């Protein structure tokens, strides 16, 4: 399954625990940009005083420990999907990867889930 930042954050952040599944028990795939999206989400939690920096660092370590395989989809396909569906290139990368691998996209964004086709 391809996993995006919204889903990972919901599973890692203690105040957003999703009851759907445990990430560590799934075979997960994501584009490399997931690292940066998660780091940015953690930065924002600190800036908004949602978590202390120490907690954000701990959550980052939890994220790094997740068994996620990283694969970047073809950039030309990402651009095409981003333009066609008027979504960010970041979101398009998850959609293209899910379509390319013919697996579901784990996301909290219903539009992206629909675009990925699962």
C-alpha atoms as a PDB file:
ATOM      1  CA  UNK A   1       0.000   0.000   0.000  1.00  0.00           C
ATOM      2  CA  UNK A   2       1.131   3.538  -0.688  1.00  0.00           C
ATOM      3  CA  UNK A   3       0.882   5.768   2.372  1.00  0.00           C
ATOM      4  CA  UNK A   4       0.772   9.567   2.408  1.00  0.00           C
ATOM      5  CA  UNK A   5       1.729  12.123   5.044  1.00  0.00           C
ATOM      6  CA  UNK A   6      -1.841  12.703   6.253  1.00  0.00           C
ATOM      7  CA  UNK A   7      -2.253   9.037   7.102  1.00  0.00           C
ATOM      8  CA  UNK A   8       1.163   8.681   8.720  1.00  0.00           C
ATOM      9  CA  UNK A   9       0.575  11.784  10.852  1.00  0.00           C
ATOM     10  CA  UNK A  10      -2.824  10.490  11.972  1.00  0.00           C
ATOM     11  CA  UNK A  11      -1.226   7.239  13.067  1.00  0.00           C
ATOM     12  CA  UNK A  12       1.843   8.759  14.744  1.00  0.00           C
ATOM     13  CA  UNK A  13       0.462  11.841  16.453  1.00  0.00           C
ATOM     14  CA  UNK A  14      -1.051  10.804  19.793  1.00  0.00           C
ATOM     15  CA  UNK A  15      -3.909  13.301  19.552  1.00  0.00           C
ATOM     16  CA  UNK A  16      -4.913  12.018  16.094  1.00  0.00           C
ATOM     17  CA  UNK A  17      -4.823   8.266  16.592  1.00  0.00           C
ATOM     18  CA  UNK A  18      -6.738   6.636  13.795  1.00  0.00           C
ATOM     19  CA  UNK A  19      -8.409   3.337  14.684  1.00  0.00           C
ATOM     20  CA  UNK A  20      -7.974   1.932  11.177  1.00  0.00           C
ATOM     21  CA  UNK A  21      -4.681   0.037  11.400  1.00  0.00           C
ATOM     22  CA  UNK A  22      -1.173  -0.070  12.743  1.00  0.00           C
ATOM     23  CA  UNK A  23       1.363   1.194  10.225  1.00  0.00           C
ATOM     24  CA  UNK A  24       4.135  -1.067  11.487  1.00  0.00           C
ATOM     25  CA  UNK A  25       2.123  -4.159  10.528  1.00  0.00           C
ATOM     26  CA  UNK A  26       1.577  -3.104   6.902  1.00  0.00           C
ATOM     27  CA  UNK A  27       3.813  -3.355   3.836  1.00  0.00           C
ATOM     28  CA  UNK A  28       4.123   0.333   2.973  1.00  0.00           C
ATOM     29  CA  UNK A  29       5.453   2.277   0.007  1.00  0.00           C
ATOM     30  CA  UNK A  30       5.832   6.047  -0.421  1.00  0.00           C
ATOM     31  CA  UNK A  31       7.654   8.615  -2.524  1.00  0.00           C
ATOM     32  CA  UNK A  32      10.757  10.054  -0.872  1.00  0.00           C
ATOM     33  CA  UNK A  33       9.015  13.366  -0.288  1.00  0.00           C
ATOM     34  CA  UNK A  34       7.136  11.754   2.612  1.00  0.00           C
ATOM     35  CA  UNK A  35      10.168  12.443   4.826  1.00  0.00           C
ATOM     36  CA  UNK A  36       9.985  16.173   4.203  1.00  0.00           C
ATOM     37  CA  UNK A  37       6.212  16.348   4.538  1.00  0.00           C
ATOM     38  CA  UNK A  38       6.372  14.613   7.919  1.00  0.00           C
ATOM     39  CA  UNK A  39       9.240  16.796   9.126  1.00  0.00           C
ATOM     40  CA  UNK A  40       7.257  19.865   8.094  1.00  0.00           C
ATOM     41  CA  UNK A  41       4.135  18.600   9.864  1.00  0.00           C
ATOM     42  CA  UNK A  42       6.205  18.055  13.017  1.00  0.00           C
ATOM     43  CA  UNK A  43       7.694  21.541  12.731  1.00  0.00           C
ATOM     44  CA  UNK A  44       4.194  22.981  12.544  1.00  0.00           C
ATOM     45  CA  UNK A  45       3.111  21.066  15.655  1.00  0.00           C
ATOM     46  CA  UNK A  46       5.937  22.717  17.562  1.00  0.00           C
ATOM     47  CA  UNK A  47       5.263  26.199  16.140  1.00  0.00           C
ATOM     48  CA  UNK A  48       1.581  25.899  17.033  1.00  0.00           C
ATOM     49  CA  UNK A  49       2.542  24.663  20.506  1.00  0.00           C
ATOM     50  CA  UNK A  50       0.682  21.422  19.939  1.00  0.00           C
ATOM     51  CA  UNK A  51       3.768  19.397  20.927  1.00  0.00           C
ATOM     52  CA  UNK A  52       7.031  20.343  22.543  1.00  0.00           C
ATOM     53  CA  UNK A  53      10.142  19.973  20.408  1.00  0.00           C
ATOM     54  CA  UNK A  54      11.250  16.942  22.431  1.00  0.00           C
ATOM     55  CA  UNK A  55       7.956  15.187  21.610  1.00  0.00           C
ATOM     56  CA  UNK A  56       8.283  16.088  17.912  1.00  0.00           C
ATOM     57  CA  UNK A  57      11.798  14.603  17.840  1.00  0.00           C
ATOM     58  CA  UNK A  58      10.490  11.407  19.420  1.00  0.00           C
ATOM     59  CA  UNK A  59       7.704  11.189  16.837  1.00  0.00           C
ATOM     60  CA  UNK A  60      10.256  11.723  14.080  1.00  0.00           C
ATOM     61  CA  UNK A  61      12.243   8.770  15.423  1.00  0.00           C
ATOM     62  CA  UNK A  62       9.052   6.677  15.456  1.00  0.00           C
ATOM     63  CA  UNK A  63       8.447   7.658  11.837  1.00  0.00           C
ATOM     64  CA  UNK A  64      12.012   6.814  10.775  1.00  0.00           C
ATOM     65  CA  UNK A  65      11.598   3.366  12.336  1.00  0.00           C
ATOM     66  CA  UNK A  66       8.537   2.541  10.230  1.00  0.00           C
ATOM     67  CA  UNK A  67       9.177  -0.122   7.575  1.00  0.00           C
ATOM     68  CA  UNK A  68       8.416   2.045   4.544  1.00  0.00           C
ATOM     69  CA  UNK A  69       9.977   1.370   1.153  1.00  0.00           C
ATOM     70  CA  UNK A  70      10.608   4.534  -0.848  1.00  0.00           C
ATOM     71  CA  UNK A  71      10.127   4.809  -4.588  1.00  0.00           C
ATOM     72  CA  UNK A  72       9.780   7.950  -6.667  1.00  0.00           C
ATOM     73  CA  UNK A  73       7.275   7.800  -9.524  1.00  0.00           C
ATOM     74  CA  UNK A  74       8.130   9.210 -12.974  1.00  0.00           C
ATOM     75  CA  UNK A  75       8.161  13.011 -12.834  1.00  0.00           C
ATOM     76  CA  UNK A  76       6.428  13.421 -16.198  1.00  0.00           C
ATOM     77  CA  UNK A  77       3.497  11.337 -14.963  1.00  0.00           C
ATOM     78  CA  UNK A  78       3.377  13.316 -11.712  1.00  0.00           C
ATOM     79  CA  UNK A  79       3.216  16.554 -13.694  1.00  0.00           C
ATOM     80  CA  UNK A  80       0.478  15.199 -15.943  1.00  0.00           C
ATOM     81  CA  UNK A  81      -1.703  14.073 -13.028  1.00  0.00           C
ATOM     82  CA  UNK A  82      -1.107  17.326 -11.143  1.00  0.00           C
ATOM     83  CA  UNK A  83      -2.223  19.357 -14.155  1.00  0.00           C
ATOM     84  CA  UNK A  84      -5.136  17.107 -15.131  1.00  0.00           C
ATOM     85  CA  UNK A  85      -6.685  17.005 -11.659  1.00  0.00           C
ATOM     86  CA  UNK A  86      -5.468  20.397 -10.391  1.00  0.00           C
ATOM     87  CA  UNK A  87      -3.662  18.962  -7.370  1.00  0.00           C
ATOM     88  CA  UNK A  88      -0.202  19.621  -5.995  1.00  0.00           C
ATOM     89  CA  UNK A  89       2.735  17.726  -7.435  1.00  0.00           C
ATOM     90  CA  UNK A  90       3.243  16.312  -3.936  1.00  0.00           C
ATOM     91  CA  UNK A  91      -0.248  14.806  -3.895  1.00  0.00           C
ATOM     92  CA  UNK A  92       0.109  13.663  -7.496  1.00  0.00           C
ATOM     93  CA  UNK A  93       3.258  11.717  -6.571  1.00  0.00           C
ATOM     94  CA  UNK A  94       1.264   9.554  -4.153  1.00  0.00           C
ATOM     95  CA  UNK A  95      -1.537   9.034  -6.689  1.00  0.00           C
ATOM     96  CA  UNK A  96       0.857   8.089  -9.502  1.00  0.00           C
ATOM     97  CA  UNK A  97       2.816   5.716  -7.273  1.00  0.00           C
ATOM     98  CA  UNK A  98      -0.357   3.930  -6.149  1.00  0.00           C
ATOM     99  CA  UNK A  99      -1.562   3.605  -9.748  1.00  0.00           C
ATOM    100  CA  UNK A 100       1.858   2.487 -10.968  1.00  0.00           C
ATOM    101  CA  UNK A 101       2.117  -0.241  -8.310  1.00  0.00           C
ATOM    102  CA  UNK A 102      -1.609  -1.098  -8.537  1.00  0.00           C
ATOM    103  CA  UNK A 103      -2.091  -0.815  -4.787  1.00  0.00           C
ATOM    104  CA  UNK A 104      -4.403   1.233  -2.550  1.00  0.00           C
ATOM    105  CA  UNK A 105      -3.435   4.703  -1.340  1.00  0.00           C
ATOM    106  CA  UNK A 106      -3.767   5.145   2.420  1.00  0.00           C
ATOM    107  CA  UNK A 107      -4.742   8.773   2.848  1.00  0.00           C
ATOM    108  CA  UNK A 108      -7.211  10.861   4.800  1.00  0.00           C
ATOM    109  CA  UNK A 109      -7.875  12.884   1.623  1.00  0.00           C
ATOM    110  CA  UNK A 110     -10.931  11.356  -0.056  1.00  0.00           C
ATOM    111  CA  UNK A 111     -10.198  13.112  -3.372  1.00  0.00           C
ATOM    112  CA  UNK A 112      -6.721  11.579  -3.558  1.00  0.00           C
ATOM    113  CA  UNK A 113      -8.070   8.186  -2.545  1.00  0.00           C
ATOM    114  CA  UNK A 114     -10.594   8.417  -5.385  1.00  0.00           C
ATOM    115  CA  UNK A 115      -7.977   9.541  -7.914  1.00  0.00           C
ATOM    116  CA  UNK A 116      -5.749   6.613  -6.970  1.00  0.00           C
ATOM    117  CA  UNK A 117      -8.623   4.314  -7.840  1.00  0.00           C
ATOM    118  CA  UNK A 118      -8.892   2.208  -4.708  1.00  0.00           C
END
